[in-house]
Amino acid sequence: MSSFFYHTAQTLLNQYTDRFPLLKITQLLDWQAIEQTLANHKVNYVCNNGGRPAYPLLPMFRAILLGQWHSLSDPELERSLVTRLDFIIFCQFPDEMNLPDHSTLNRFRNWLIKEGLADEL
């Protein structure tokens, strides 16, 4: 993300890291290992049937984690990804104006389950 909004929000949240546990979690987990595991299965996720390009796997995974941790339905998670600064920064989608909708989040979760990644990760 390279927008003015993102950088301003990141600066503000960094000043209050203690108030935002999600920012602490981003520093604790080995995201490279998770991203590598997702990348190993990517061929089964991305299809070449035309349409819009797929969302990046790691931000999608982070969004699914948020939904699980906060017991959010997919529509609630979709709204939270738009309205909560800590969610936006935690997920790190490359374009904060192009976020997944609830059906995309649901399909991604189902893909994680189908690939056996939901339990592994």
PDB file of N, CA and C in Angstrom:
ATOM      1  N   MET A   1       0.846  -1.173   0.000  1.00  0.00           N
ATOM      2  CA  MET A   1       0.000   0.000   0.000  1.00  0.00           C
ATOM      3  C   MET A   1       0.891   1.235   0.000  1.00  0.00           C
ATOM      4  N   SER A   2       0.560   2.152  -0.823  1.00  0.00           N
ATOM      5  CA  SER A   2       1.420   3.329  -0.901  1.00  0.00           C
ATOM      6  C   SER A   2       0.635   4.628  -0.815  1.00  0.00           C
ATOM      7  N   SER A   3      -0.588   4.561  -0.405  1.00  0.00           N
ATOM      8  CA  SER A   3      -1.402   5.774  -0.377  1.00  0.00           C
ATOM      9  C   SER A   3      -1.069   6.644   0.837  1.00  0.00           C
ATOM     10  N   PHE A   4      -1.424   7.886   0.713  1.00  0.00           N
ATOM     11  CA  PHE A   4      -1.256   8.831   1.817  1.00  0.00           C
ATOM     12  C   PHE A   4      -2.016   8.340   3.043  1.00  0.00           C
ATOM     13  N   PHE A   5      -3.224   7.835   2.834  1.00  0.00           N
ATOM     14  CA  PHE A   5      -4.049   7.337   3.928  1.00  0.00           C
ATOM     15  C   PHE A   5      -3.325   6.239   4.699  1.00  0.00           C
ATOM     16  N   TYR A   6      -2.789   5.290   3.981  1.00  0.00           N
ATOM     17  CA  TYR A   6      -2.138   4.162   4.636  1.00  0.00           C
ATOM     18  C   TYR A   6      -0.946   4.627   5.468  1.00  0.00           C
ATOM     19  N   HIS A   7      -0.121   5.466   4.907  1.00  0.00           N
ATOM     20  CA  HIS A   7       1.058   5.931   5.642  1.00  0.00           C
ATOM     21  C   HIS A   7       0.676   6.749   6.864  1.00  0.00           C
ATOM     22  N   THR A   8      -0.352   7.567   6.749  1.00  0.00           N
ATOM     23  CA  THR A   8      -0.817   8.357   7.889  1.00  0.00           C
ATOM     24  C   THR A   8      -1.374   7.438   8.975  1.00  0.00           C
ATOM     25  N   ALA A   9      -2.189   6.481   8.577  1.00  0.00           N
ATOM     26  CA  ALA A   9      -2.760   5.543   9.538  1.00  0.00           C
ATOM     27  C   ALA A   9      -1.673   4.720  10.203  1.00  0.00           C
ATOM     28  N   GLN A  10      -0.714   4.249   9.430  1.00  0.00           N
ATOM     29  CA  GLN A  10       0.386   3.458   9.985  1.00  0.00           C
ATOM     30  C   GLN A  10       1.169   4.271  11.018  1.00  0.00           C
ATOM     31  N   THR A  11       1.430   5.517  10.728  1.00  0.00           N
ATOM     32  CA  THR A  11       2.149   6.390  11.663  1.00  0.00           C
ATOM     33  C   THR A  11       1.374   6.545  12.963  1.00  0.00           C
ATOM     34  N   LEU A  12       0.075   6.780  12.856  1.00  0.00           N
ATOM     35  CA  LEU A  12      -0.748   6.934  14.057  1.00  0.00           C
ATOM     36  C   LEU A  12      -0.804   5.651  14.877  1.00  0.00           C
ATOM     37  N   LEU A  13      -0.991   4.529  14.203  1.00  0.00           N
ATOM     38  CA  LEU A  13      -1.084   3.264  14.925  1.00  0.00           C
ATOM     39  C   LEU A  13       0.245   2.889  15.565  1.00  0.00           C
ATOM     40  N   ASN A  14       1.349   3.211  14.931  1.00  0.00           N
ATOM     41  CA  ASN A  14       2.667   2.912  15.508  1.00  0.00           C
ATOM     42  C   ASN A  14       2.893   3.669  16.807  1.00  0.00           C
ATOM     43  N   GLN A  15       2.263   4.820  16.933  1.00  0.00           N
ATOM     44  CA  GLN A  15       2.396   5.595  18.173  1.00  0.00           C
ATOM     45  C   GLN A  15       1.658   4.917  19.331  1.00  0.00           C
ATOM     46  N   TYR A  16       0.671   4.097  18.998  1.00  0.00           N
ATOM     47  CA  TYR A  16      -0.169   3.466  20.023  1.00  0.00           C
ATOM     48  C   TYR A  16      -0.177   1.952  19.864  1.00  0.00           C
ATOM     49  N   THR A  17       0.971   1.373  19.612  1.00  0.00           N
ATOM     50  CA  THR A  17       1.071  -0.062  19.365  1.00  0.00           C
ATOM     51  C   THR A  17       0.470  -0.875  20.511  1.00  0.00           C
ATOM     52  N   ASP A  18       0.636  -0.414  21.736  1.00  0.00           N
ATOM     53  CA  ASP A  18       0.117  -1.160  22.885  1.00  0.00           C
ATOM     54  C   ASP A  18      -1.401  -1.284  22.844  1.00  0.00           C
ATOM     55  N   ARG A  19      -2.070  -0.369  22.178  1.00  0.00           N
ATOM     56  CA  ARG A  19      -3.532  -0.404  22.101  1.00  0.00           C
ATOM     57  C   ARG A  19      -4.032  -1.297  20.971  1.00  0.00           C
ATOM     58  N   PHE A  20      -3.137  -1.741  20.109  1.00  0.00           N
ATOM     59  CA  PHE A  20      -3.531  -2.529  18.939  1.00  0.00           C
ATOM     60  C   PHE A  20      -2.769  -3.853  18.921  1.00  0.00           C
ATOM     61  N   PRO A  21      -3.328  -4.880  19.560  1.00  0.00           N
ATOM     62  CA  PRO A  21      -2.635  -6.178  19.632  1.00  0.00           C
ATOM     63  C   PRO A  21      -2.313  -6.767  18.260  1.00  0.00           C
ATOM     64  N   LEU A  22      -3.110  -6.442  17.253  1.00  0.00           N
ATOM     65  CA  LEU A  22      -2.839  -6.983  15.917  1.00  0.00           C
ATOM     66  C   LEU A  22      -1.475  -6.537  15.402  1.00  0.00           C
ATOM     67  N   LEU A  23      -1.062  -5.336  15.758  1.00  0.00           N
ATOM     68  CA  LEU A  23       0.240  -4.858  15.318  1.00  0.00           C
ATOM     69  C   LEU A  23       1.369  -5.628  15.995  1.00  0.00           C
ATOM     70  N   LYS A  24       1.133  -6.066  17.220  1.00  0.00           N
ATOM     71  CA  LYS A  24       2.129  -6.886  17.906  1.00  0.00           C
ATOM     72  C   LYS A  24       2.222  -8.265  17.252  1.00  0.00           C
ATOM     73  N   ILE A  25       1.070  -8.811  16.882  1.00  0.00           N
ATOM     74  CA  ILE A  25       1.033 -10.138  16.267  1.00  0.00           C
ATOM     75  C   ILE A  25       1.797 -10.153  14.950  1.00  0.00           C
ATOM     76  N   THR A  26       1.710  -9.066  14.202  1.00  0.00           N
ATOM     77  CA  THR A  26       2.418  -9.025  12.917  1.00  0.00           C
ATOM     78  C   THR A  26       3.919  -9.188  13.107  1.00  0.00           C
ATOM     79  N   GLN A  27       4.408  -8.807  14.266  1.00  0.00           N
ATOM     80  CA  GLN A  27       5.841  -8.920  14.544  1.00  0.00           C
ATOM     81  C   GLN A  27       6.217 -10.274  15.133  1.00  0.00           C
ATOM     82  N   LEU A  28       5.250 -11.014  15.639  1.00  0.00           N
ATOM     83  CA  LEU A  28       5.544 -12.270  16.316  1.00  0.00           C
ATOM     84  C   LEU A  28       5.521 -13.491  15.399  1.00  0.00           C
ATOM     85  N   LEU A  29       4.654 -13.485  14.416  1.00  0.00           N
ATOM     86  CA  LEU A  29       4.490 -14.661  13.559  1.00  0.00           C
ATOM     87  C   LEU A  29       5.497 -14.663  12.422  1.00  0.00           C
ATOM     88  N   ASP A  30       5.851 -15.852  11.982  1.00  0.00           N
ATOM     89  CA  ASP A  30       6.765 -16.021  10.845  1.00  0.00           C
ATOM     90  C   ASP A  30       5.933 -16.030   9.566  1.00  0.00           C
ATOM     91  N   TRP A  31       5.655 -14.838   9.059  1.00  0.00           N
ATOM     92  CA  TRP A  31       4.785 -14.698   7.890  1.00  0.00           C
ATOM     93  C   TRP A  31       5.426 -15.258   6.630  1.00  0.00           C
ATOM     94  N   GLN A  32       6.762 -15.273   6.555  1.00  0.00           N
ATOM     95  CA  GLN A  32       7.425 -15.805   5.364  1.00  0.00           C
ATOM     96  C   GLN A  32       7.172 -17.300   5.224  1.00  0.00           C
ATOM     97  N   ALA A  33       7.181 -18.020   6.326  1.00  0.00           N
ATOM     98  CA  ALA A  33       6.913 -19.454   6.286  1.00  0.00           C
ATOM     99  C   ALA A  33       5.469 -19.715   5.862  1.00  0.00           C
ATOM    100  N   ILE A  34       4.553 -18.918   6.386  1.00  0.00           N
ATOM    101  CA  ILE A  34       3.141 -19.057   6.009  1.00  0.00           C
ATOM    102  C   ILE A  34       2.959 -18.731   4.537  1.00  0.00           C
ATOM    103  N   GLU A  35       3.596 -17.656   4.095  1.00  0.00           N
ATOM    104  CA  GLU A  35       3.481 -17.261   2.688  1.00  0.00           C
ATOM    105  C   GLU A  35       4.058 -18.334   1.767  1.00  0.00           C
ATOM    106  N   GLN A  36       5.145 -18.963   2.170  1.00  0.00           N
ATOM    107  CA  GLN A  36       5.748 -20.026   1.364  1.00  0.00           C
ATOM    108  C   GLN A  36       4.814 -21.232   1.268  1.00  0.00           C
ATOM    109  N   THR A  37       4.203 -21.600   2.375  1.00  0.00           N
ATOM    110  CA  THR A  37       3.259 -22.717   2.372  1.00  0.00           C
ATOM    111  C   THR A  37       2.079 -22.421   1.448  1.00  0.00           C
ATOM    112  N   LEU A  38       1.560 -21.202   1.527  1.00  0.00           N
ATOM    113  CA  LEU A  38       0.466 -20.810   0.637  1.00  0.00           C
ATOM    114  C   LEU A  38       0.919 -20.824  -0.826  1.00  0.00           C
ATOM    115  N   ALA A  39       2.124 -20.334  -1.077  1.00  0.00           N
ATOM    116  CA  ALA A  39       2.643 -20.277  -2.447  1.00  0.00           C
ATOM    117  C   ALA A  39       2.801 -21.673  -3.038  1.00  0.00           C
ATOM    118  N   ASN A  40       3.138 -22.648  -2.209  1.00  0.00           N
ATOM    119  CA  ASN A  40       3.283 -24.022  -2.689  1.00  0.00           C
ATOM    120  C   ASN A  40       1.963 -24.587  -3.198  1.00  0.00           C
ATOM    121  N   HIS A  41       0.858 -24.048  -2.721  1.00  0.00           N
ATOM    122  CA  HIS A  41      -0.467 -24.513  -3.126  1.00  0.00           C
ATOM    123  C   HIS A  41      -1.141 -23.561  -4.108  1.00  0.00           C
ATOM    124  N   LYS A  42      -0.461 -22.497  -4.465  1.00  0.00           N
ATOM    125  CA  LYS A  42      -1.065 -21.434  -5.275  1.00  0.00           C
ATOM    126  C   LYS A  42      -1.604 -21.933  -6.613  1.00  0.00           C
ATOM    127  N   VAL A  43      -0.932 -22.888  -7.209  1.00  0.00           N
ATOM    128  CA  VAL A  43      -1.367 -23.378  -8.515  1.00  0.00           C
ATOM    129  C   VAL A  43      -2.802 -23.920  -8.441  1.00  0.00           C
ATOM    130  N   ASN A  44      -3.198 -24.404  -7.282  1.00  0.00           N
ATOM    131  CA  ASN A  44      -4.556 -24.912  -7.102  1.00  0.00           C
ATOM    132  C   ASN A  44      -5.561 -23.813  -6.782  1.00  0.00           C
ATOM    133  N   TYR A  45      -5.075 -22.601  -6.521  1.00  0.00           N
ATOM    134  CA  TYR A  45      -5.947 -21.480  -6.167  1.00  0.00           C
ATOM    135  C   TYR A  45      -6.219 -20.577  -7.357  1.00  0.00           C
ATOM    136  N   VAL A  46      -5.187 -20.308  -8.117  1.00  0.00           N
ATOM    137  CA  VAL A  46      -5.308 -19.385  -9.244  1.00  0.00           C
ATOM    138  C   VAL A  46      -5.712 -20.166 -10.482  1.00  0.00           C
ATOM    139  N   CYS A  47      -6.764 -19.733 -11.122  1.00  0.00           N
ATOM    140  CA  CYS A  47      -7.173 -20.380 -12.365  1.00  0.00           C
ATOM    141  C   CYS A  47      -7.098 -19.355 -13.490  1.00  0.00           C
ATOM    142  N   ASN A  48      -6.941 -19.832 -14.683  1.00  0.00           N
ATOM    143  CA  ASN A  48      -6.784 -18.948 -15.835  1.00  0.00           C
ATOM    144  C   ASN A  48      -8.065 -18.896 -16.658  1.00  0.00           C
ATOM    145  N   ASN A  49      -9.173 -18.701 -16.002  1.00  0.00           N
ATOM    146  CA  ASN A  49     -10.459 -18.636 -16.691  1.00  0.00           C
ATOM    147  C   ASN A  49     -10.847 -17.212 -17.040  1.00  0.00           C
ATOM    148  N   GLY A  50      -9.904 -16.311 -17.003  1.00  0.00           N
ATOM    149  CA  GLY A  50     -10.224 -14.907 -17.238  1.00  0.00           C
ATOM    150  C   GLY A  50     -10.730 -14.270 -15.958  1.00  0.00           C
ATOM    151  N   GLY A  51     -11.322 -13.121 -16.089  1.00  0.00           N
ATOM    152  CA  GLY A  51     -11.844 -12.431 -14.913  1.00  0.00           C
ATOM    153  C   GLY A  51     -10.767 -11.634 -14.214  1.00  0.00           C
ATOM    154  N   ARG A  52     -11.106 -11.207 -13.034  1.00  0.00           N
ATOM    155  CA  ARG A  52     -10.200 -10.368 -12.255  1.00  0.00           C
ATOM    156  C   ARG A  52      -9.023 -11.179 -11.732  1.00  0.00           C
ATOM    157  N   PRO A  53      -7.877 -10.521 -11.556  1.00  0.00           N
ATOM    158  CA  PRO A  53      -6.734 -11.227 -10.963  1.00  0.00           C
ATOM    159  C   PRO A  53      -7.048 -11.618  -9.517  1.00  0.00           C
ATOM    160  N   ALA A  54      -6.434 -12.695  -9.080  1.00  0.00           N
ATOM    161  CA  ALA A  54      -6.643 -13.166  -7.709  1.00  0.00           C
ATOM    162  C   ALA A  54      -6.009 -12.194  -6.712  1.00  0.00           C
ATOM    163  N   TYR A  55      -6.604 -12.124  -5.532  1.00  0.00           N
ATOM    164  CA  TYR A  55      -6.007 -11.350  -4.445  1.00  0.00           C
ATOM    165  C   TYR A  55      -4.752 -12.076  -3.970  1.00  0.00           C
ATOM    166  N   PRO A  56      -3.782 -11.351  -3.440  1.00  0.00           N
ATOM    167  CA  PRO A  56      -2.584 -12.011  -2.901  1.00  0.00           C
ATOM    168  C   PRO A  56      -2.966 -12.961  -1.764  1.00  0.00           C
ATOM    169  N   LEU A  57      -2.267 -14.088  -1.706  1.00  0.00           N
ATOM    170  CA  LEU A  57      -2.628 -15.135  -0.761  1.00  0.00           C
ATOM    171  C   LEU A  57      -2.421 -14.744   0.699  1.00  0.00           C
ATOM    172  N   LEU A  58      -1.303 -14.102   1.025  1.00  0.00           N
ATOM    173  CA  LEU A  58      -1.038 -13.791   2.430  1.00  0.00           C
ATOM    174  C   LEU A  58      -2.035 -12.786   3.002  1.00  0.00           C
ATOM    175  N   PRO A  59      -2.358 -11.696   2.322  1.00  0.00           N
ATOM    176  CA  PRO A  59      -3.394 -10.808   2.864  1.00  0.00           C
ATOM    177  C   PRO A  59      -4.758 -11.513   3.010  1.00  0.00           C
ATOM    178  N   MET A  60      -5.075 -12.394   2.085  1.00  0.00           N
ATOM    179  CA  MET A  60      -6.334 -13.135   2.209  1.00  0.00           C
ATOM    180  C   MET A  60      -6.300 -14.029   3.450  1.00  0.00           C
ATOM    181  N   PHE A  61      -5.172 -14.700   3.665  1.00  0.00           N
ATOM    182  CA  PHE A  61      -5.029 -15.556   4.839  1.00  0.00           C
ATOM    183  C   PHE A  61      -5.145 -14.734   6.121  1.00  0.00           C
ATOM    184  N   ARG A  62      -4.500 -13.570   6.127  1.00  0.00           N
ATOM    185  CA  ARG A  62      -4.583 -12.705   7.304  1.00  0.00           C
ATOM    186  C   ARG A  62      -6.028 -12.278   7.566  1.00  0.00           C
ATOM    187  N   ALA A  63      -6.772 -11.994   6.510  1.00  0.00           N
ATOM    188  CA  ALA A  63      -8.175 -11.612   6.671  1.00  0.00           C
ATOM    189  C   ALA A  63      -8.980 -12.765   7.276  1.00  0.00           C
ATOM    190  N   ILE A  64      -8.735 -13.977   6.795  1.00  0.00           N
ATOM    191  CA  ILE A  64      -9.445 -15.138   7.342  1.00  0.00           C
ATOM    192  C   ILE A  64      -9.105 -15.322   8.817  1.00  0.00           C
ATOM    193  N   LEU A  65      -7.843 -15.117   9.191  1.00  0.00           N
ATOM    194  CA  LEU A  65      -7.465 -15.191  10.602  1.00  0.00           C
ATOM    195  C   LEU A  65      -8.261 -14.186  11.431  1.00  0.00           C
ATOM    196  N   LEU A  66      -8.369 -12.966  10.935  1.00  0.00           N
ATOM    197  CA  LEU A  66      -9.122 -11.941  11.668  1.00  0.00           C
ATOM    198  C   LEU A  66     -10.570 -12.365  11.865  1.00  0.00           C
ATOM    199  N   GLY A  67     -11.159 -12.922  10.828  1.00  0.00           N
ATOM    200  CA  GLY A  67     -12.535 -13.388  10.946  1.00  0.00           C
ATOM    201  C   GLY A  67     -12.682 -14.459  12.013  1.00  0.00           C
ATOM    202  N   GLN A  68     -11.718 -15.380  12.070  1.00  0.00           N
ATOM    203  CA  GLN A  68     -11.753 -16.442  13.078  1.00  0.00           C
ATOM    204  C   GLN A  68     -11.515 -15.884  14.476  1.00  0.00           C
ATOM    205  N   TRP A  69     -10.511 -15.061  14.612  1.00  0.00           N
ATOM    206  CA  TRP A  69     -10.159 -14.518  15.936  1.00  0.00           C
ATOM    207  C   TRP A  69     -11.266 -13.649  16.522  1.00  0.00           C
ATOM    208  N   HIS A  70     -11.999 -12.954  15.671  1.00  0.00           N
ATOM    209  CA  HIS A  70     -13.043 -12.038  16.135  1.00  0.00           C
ATOM    210  C   HIS A  70     -14.454 -12.590  15.947  1.00  0.00           C
ATOM    211  N   SER A  71     -14.551 -13.859  15.574  1.00  0.00           N
ATOM    212  CA  SER A  71     -15.845 -14.528  15.371  1.00  0.00           C
ATOM    213  C   SER A  71     -16.765 -13.716  14.452  1.00  0.00           C
ATOM    214  N   LEU A  72     -16.229 -13.315  13.314  1.00  0.00           N
ATOM    215  CA  LEU A  72     -16.985 -12.490  12.373  1.00  0.00           C
ATOM    216  C   LEU A  72     -17.539 -13.343  11.239  1.00  0.00           C
ATOM    217  N   SER A  73     -18.752 -13.047  10.856  1.00  0.00           N
ATOM    218  CA  SER A  73     -19.285 -13.654   9.641  1.00  0.00           C
ATOM    219  C   SER A  73     -18.543 -13.037   8.461  1.00  0.00           C
ATOM    220  N   ASP A  74     -18.690 -13.621   7.286  1.00  0.00           N
ATOM    221  CA  ASP A  74     -18.008 -13.059   6.121  1.00  0.00           C
ATOM    222  C   ASP A  74     -18.476 -11.639   5.802  1.00  0.00           C
ATOM    223  N   PRO A  75     -19.780 -11.338   5.845  1.00  0.00           N
ATOM    224  CA  PRO A  75     -20.188  -9.942   5.629  1.00  0.00           C
ATOM    225  C   PRO A  75     -19.645  -8.984   6.693  1.00  0.00           C
ATOM    226  N   GLU A  76     -19.581  -9.438   7.947  1.00  0.00           N
ATOM    227  CA  GLU A  76     -19.014  -8.594   9.006  1.00  0.00           C
ATOM    228  C   GLU A  76     -17.521  -8.374   8.788  1.00  0.00           C
ATOM    229  N   LEU A  77     -16.828  -9.415   8.344  1.00  0.00           N
ATOM    230  CA  LEU A  77     -15.404  -9.280   8.054  1.00  0.00           C
ATOM    231  C   LEU A  77     -15.187  -8.316   6.896  1.00  0.00           C
ATOM    232  N   GLU A  78     -16.009  -8.419   5.871  1.00  0.00           N
ATOM    233  CA  GLU A  78     -15.915  -7.492   4.737  1.00  0.00           C
ATOM    234  C   GLU A  78     -16.045  -6.044   5.210  1.00  0.00           C
ATOM    235  N   ARG A  79     -17.038  -5.768   6.058  1.00  0.00           N
ATOM    236  CA  ARG A  79     -17.222  -4.409   6.585  1.00  0.00           C
ATOM    237  C   ARG A  79     -16.036  -3.976   7.449  1.00  0.00           C
ATOM    238  N   SER A  80     -15.529  -4.891   8.252  1.00  0.00           N
ATOM    239  CA  SER A  80     -14.408  -4.555   9.139  1.00  0.00           C
ATOM    240  C   SER A  80     -13.140  -4.257   8.351  1.00  0.00           C
ATOM    241  N   LEU A  81     -12.945  -4.947   7.243  1.00  0.00           N
ATOM    242  CA  LEU A  81     -11.768  -4.680   6.408  1.00  0.00           C
ATOM    243  C   LEU A  81     -11.799  -3.281   5.809  1.00  0.00           C
ATOM    244  N   VAL A  82     -12.985  -2.720   5.704  1.00  0.00           N
ATOM    245  CA  VAL A  82     -13.131  -1.379   5.147  1.00  0.00           C
ATOM    246  C   VAL A  82     -13.067  -0.311   6.234  1.00  0.00           C
ATOM    247  N   THR A  83     -13.530  -0.641   7.437  1.00  0.00           N
ATOM    248  CA  THR A  83     -13.708   0.392   8.451  1.00  0.00           C
ATOM    249  C   THR A  83     -12.664   0.402   9.567  1.00  0.00           C
ATOM    250  N   ARG A  84     -12.003  -0.703   9.814  1.00  0.00           N
ATOM    251  CA  ARG A  84     -11.069  -0.763  10.941  1.00  0.00           C
ATOM    252  C   ARG A  84      -9.633  -0.603  10.473  1.00  0.00           C
ATOM    253  N   LEU A  85      -8.984   0.434  10.959  1.00  0.00           N
ATOM    254  CA  LEU A  85      -7.605   0.706  10.560  1.00  0.00           C
ATOM    255  C   LEU A  85      -6.668  -0.446  10.906  1.00  0.00           C
ATOM    256  N   ASP A  86      -6.843  -1.015  12.087  1.00  0.00           N
ATOM    257  CA  ASP A  86      -5.944  -2.101  12.472  1.00  0.00           C
ATOM    258  C   ASP A  86      -6.121  -3.314  11.559  1.00  0.00           C
ATOM    259  N   PHE A  87      -7.342  -3.583  11.093  1.00  0.00           N
ATOM    260  CA  PHE A  87      -7.574  -4.681  10.156  1.00  0.00           C
ATOM    261  C   PHE A  87      -6.913  -4.381   8.809  1.00  0.00           C
ATOM    262  N   ILE A  88      -7.079  -3.159   8.347  1.00  0.00           N
ATOM    263  CA  ILE A  88      -6.517  -2.761   7.053  1.00  0.00           C
ATOM    264  C   ILE A  88      -4.998  -2.929   7.064  1.00  0.00           C
ATOM    265  N   ILE A  89      -4.371  -2.456   8.115  1.00  0.00           N
ATOM    266  CA  ILE A  89      -2.917  -2.515   8.191  1.00  0.00           C
ATOM    267  C   ILE A  89      -2.436  -3.937   8.453  1.00  0.00           C
ATOM    268  N   PHE A  90      -3.155  -4.689   9.259  1.00  0.00           N
ATOM    269  CA  PHE A  90      -2.771  -6.071   9.539  1.00  0.00           C
ATOM    270  C   PHE A  90      -2.774  -6.916   8.271  1.00  0.00           C
ATOM    271  N   CYS A  91      -3.799  -6.768   7.454  1.00  0.00           N
ATOM    272  CA  CYS A  91      -3.925  -7.604   6.255  1.00  0.00           C
ATOM    273  C   CYS A  91      -2.924  -7.227   5.168  1.00  0.00           C
ATOM    274  N   GLN A  92      -2.631  -5.963   5.028  1.00  0.00           N
ATOM    275  CA  GLN A  92      -1.659  -5.474   4.044  1.00  0.00           C
ATOM    276  C   GLN A  92      -2.034  -5.816   2.607  1.00  0.00           C
ATOM    277  N   PHE A  93      -3.293  -5.593   2.251  1.00  0.00           N
ATOM    278  CA  PHE A  93      -3.665  -5.729   0.843  1.00  0.00           C
ATOM    279  C   PHE A  93      -2.944  -4.645   0.056  1.00  0.00           C
ATOM    280  N   PRO A  94      -2.482  -4.957  -1.157  1.00  0.00           N
ATOM    281  CA  PRO A  94      -1.706  -3.972  -1.918  1.00  0.00           C
ATOM    282  C   PRO A  94      -2.507  -2.733  -2.324  1.00  0.00           C
ATOM    283  N   ASP A  95      -3.804  -2.863  -2.403  1.00  0.00           N
ATOM    284  CA  ASP A  95      -4.654  -1.728  -2.783  1.00  0.00           C
ATOM    285  C   ASP A  95      -5.831  -1.682  -1.820  1.00  0.00           C
ATOM    286  N   GLU A  96      -5.762  -0.772  -0.843  1.00  0.00           N
ATOM    287  CA  GLU A  96      -6.811  -0.717   0.184  1.00  0.00           C
ATOM    288  C   GLU A  96      -8.165  -0.296  -0.369  1.00  0.00           C
ATOM    289  N   MET A  97      -8.199   0.125  -1.623  1.00  0.00           N
ATOM    290  CA  MET A  97      -9.480   0.475  -2.243  1.00  0.00           C
ATOM    291  C   MET A  97     -10.077  -0.723  -2.986  1.00  0.00           C
ATOM    292  N   ASN A  98      -9.332  -1.811  -3.078  1.00  0.00           N
ATOM    293  CA  ASN A  98      -9.782  -3.013  -3.765  1.00  0.00           C
ATOM    294  C   ASN A  98      -9.669  -4.190  -2.802  1.00  0.00           C
ATOM    295  N   LEU A  99     -10.681  -4.320  -1.948  1.00  0.00           N
ATOM    296  CA  LEU A  99     -10.677  -5.354  -0.926  1.00  0.00           C
ATOM    297  C   LEU A  99     -11.668  -6.452  -1.292  1.00  0.00           C
ATOM    298  N   PRO A 100     -11.436  -7.665  -0.813  1.00  0.00           N
ATOM    299  CA  PRO A 100     -12.332  -8.771  -1.166  1.00  0.00           C
ATOM    300  C   PRO A 100     -13.713  -8.608  -0.533  1.00  0.00           C
ATOM    301  N   ASP A 101     -14.722  -9.096  -1.246  1.00  0.00           N
ATOM    302  CA  ASP A 101     -16.074  -9.090  -0.690  1.00  0.00           C
ATOM    303  C   ASP A 101     -16.294 -10.388   0.085  1.00  0.00           C
ATOM    304  N   HIS A 102     -17.456 -10.507   0.714  1.00  0.00           N
ATOM    305  CA  HIS A 102     -17.705 -11.654   1.581  1.00  0.00           C
ATOM    306  C   HIS A 102     -17.689 -12.988   0.835  1.00  0.00           C
ATOM    307  N   SER A 103     -18.144 -13.013  -0.409  1.00  0.00           N
ATOM    308  CA  SER A 103     -18.141 -14.282  -1.142  1.00  0.00           C
ATOM    309  C   SER A 103     -16.714 -14.698  -1.516  1.00  0.00           C
ATOM    310  N   THR A 104     -15.863 -13.737  -1.809  1.00  0.00           N
ATOM    311  CA  THR A 104     -14.456 -14.044  -2.101  1.00  0.00           C
ATOM    312  C   THR A 104     -13.768 -14.586  -0.854  1.00  0.00           C
ATOM    313  N   LEU A 105     -14.044 -13.978   0.288  1.00  0.00           N
ATOM    314  CA  LEU A 105     -13.484 -14.469   1.547  1.00  0.00           C
ATOM    315  C   LEU A 105     -13.951 -15.890   1.830  1.00  0.00           C
ATOM    316  N   ASN A 106     -15.213 -16.157   1.571  1.00  0.00           N
ATOM    317  CA  ASN A 106     -15.764 -17.493   1.784  1.00  0.00           C
ATOM    318  C   ASN A 106     -15.108 -18.520   0.864  1.00  0.00           C
ATOM    319  N   ARG A 107     -14.943 -18.175  -0.401  1.00  0.00           N
ATOM    320  CA  ARG A 107     -14.300 -19.103  -1.348  1.00  0.00           C
ATOM    321  C   ARG A 107     -12.850 -19.373  -0.945  1.00  0.00           C
ATOM    322  N   PHE A 108     -12.159 -18.348  -0.464  1.00  0.00           N
ATOM    323  CA  PHE A 108     -10.776 -18.540  -0.037  1.00  0.00           C
ATOM    324  C   PHE A 108     -10.718 -19.468   1.176  1.00  0.00           C
ATOM    325  N   ARG A 109     -11.599 -19.262   2.142  1.00  0.00           N
ATOM    326  CA  ARG A 109     -11.637 -20.137   3.316  1.00  0.00           C
ATOM    327  C   ARG A 109     -11.907 -21.577   2.886  1.00  0.00           C
ATOM    328  N   ASN A 110     -12.855 -21.766   1.976  1.00  0.00           N
ATOM    329  CA  ASN A 110     -13.153 -23.111   1.485  1.00  0.00           C
ATOM    330  C   ASN A 110     -11.956 -23.729   0.779  1.00  0.00           C
ATOM    331  N   TRP A 111     -11.197 -22.904   0.043  1.00  0.00           N
ATOM    332  CA  TRP A 111      -9.989 -23.399  -0.616  1.00  0.00           C
ATOM    333  C   TRP A 111      -8.964 -23.842   0.418  1.00  0.00           C
ATOM    334  N   LEU A 112      -8.793 -23.062   1.486  1.00  0.00           N
ATOM    335  CA  LEU A 112      -7.857 -23.439   2.557  1.00  0.00           C
ATOM    336  C   LEU A 112      -8.237 -24.794   3.148  1.00  0.00           C
ATOM    337  N   ILE A 113      -9.523 -24.989   3.365  1.00  0.00           N
ATOM    338  CA  ILE A 113     -10.001 -26.250   3.934  1.00  0.00           C
ATOM    339  C   ILE A 113      -9.767 -27.396   2.953  1.00  0.00           C
ATOM    340  N   LYS A 114     -10.128 -27.186   1.697  1.00  0.00           N
ATOM    341  CA  LYS A 114      -9.964 -28.216   0.661  1.00  0.00           C
ATOM    342  C   LYS A 114      -8.504 -28.639   0.514  1.00  0.00           C
ATOM    343  N   GLU A 115      -7.591 -27.683   0.595  1.00  0.00           N
ATOM    344  CA  GLU A 115      -6.159 -27.971   0.453  1.00  0.00           C
ATOM    345  C   GLU A 115      -5.545 -28.518   1.742  1.00  0.00           C
ATOM    346  N   GLY A 116      -6.316 -28.563   2.824  1.00  0.00           N
ATOM    347  CA  GLY A 116      -5.791 -29.028   4.096  1.00  0.00           C
ATOM    348  C   GLY A 116      -4.918 -27.995   4.799  1.00  0.00           C
ATOM    349  N   LEU A 117      -5.001 -26.754   4.350  1.00  0.00           N
ATOM    350  CA  LEU A 117      -4.162 -25.704   4.925  1.00  0.00           C
ATOM    351  C   LEU A 117      -4.771 -25.064   6.164  1.00  0.00           C
ATOM    352  N   ALA A 118      -6.068 -25.181   6.327  1.00  0.00           N
ATOM    353  CA  ALA A 118      -6.727 -24.546   7.472  1.00  0.00           C
ATOM    354  C   ALA A 118      -6.166 -25.103   8.780  1.00  0.00           C
ATOM    355  N   ASP A 119      -5.981 -26.410   8.852  1.00  0.00           N
ATOM    356  CA  ASP A 119      -5.433 -27.012  10.070  1.00  0.00           C
ATOM    357  C   ASP A 119      -3.920 -26.863  10.150  1.00  0.00           C
ATOM    358  N   GLU A 120      -3.259 -26.966   8.990  1.00  0.00           N
ATOM    359  CA  GLU A 120      -1.799 -26.892   8.962  1.00  0.00           C
ATOM    360  C   GLU A 120      -1.283 -25.527   9.402  1.00  0.00           C
ATOM    361  N   LEU A 121      -1.935 -24.481   8.926  1.00  0.00           N
ATOM    362  CA  LEU A 121      -1.474 -23.134   9.243  1.00  0.00           C
ATOM    363  C   LEU A 121      -2.133 -22.630  10.514  1.00  0.00           C
TER     364      LEU A 121
END
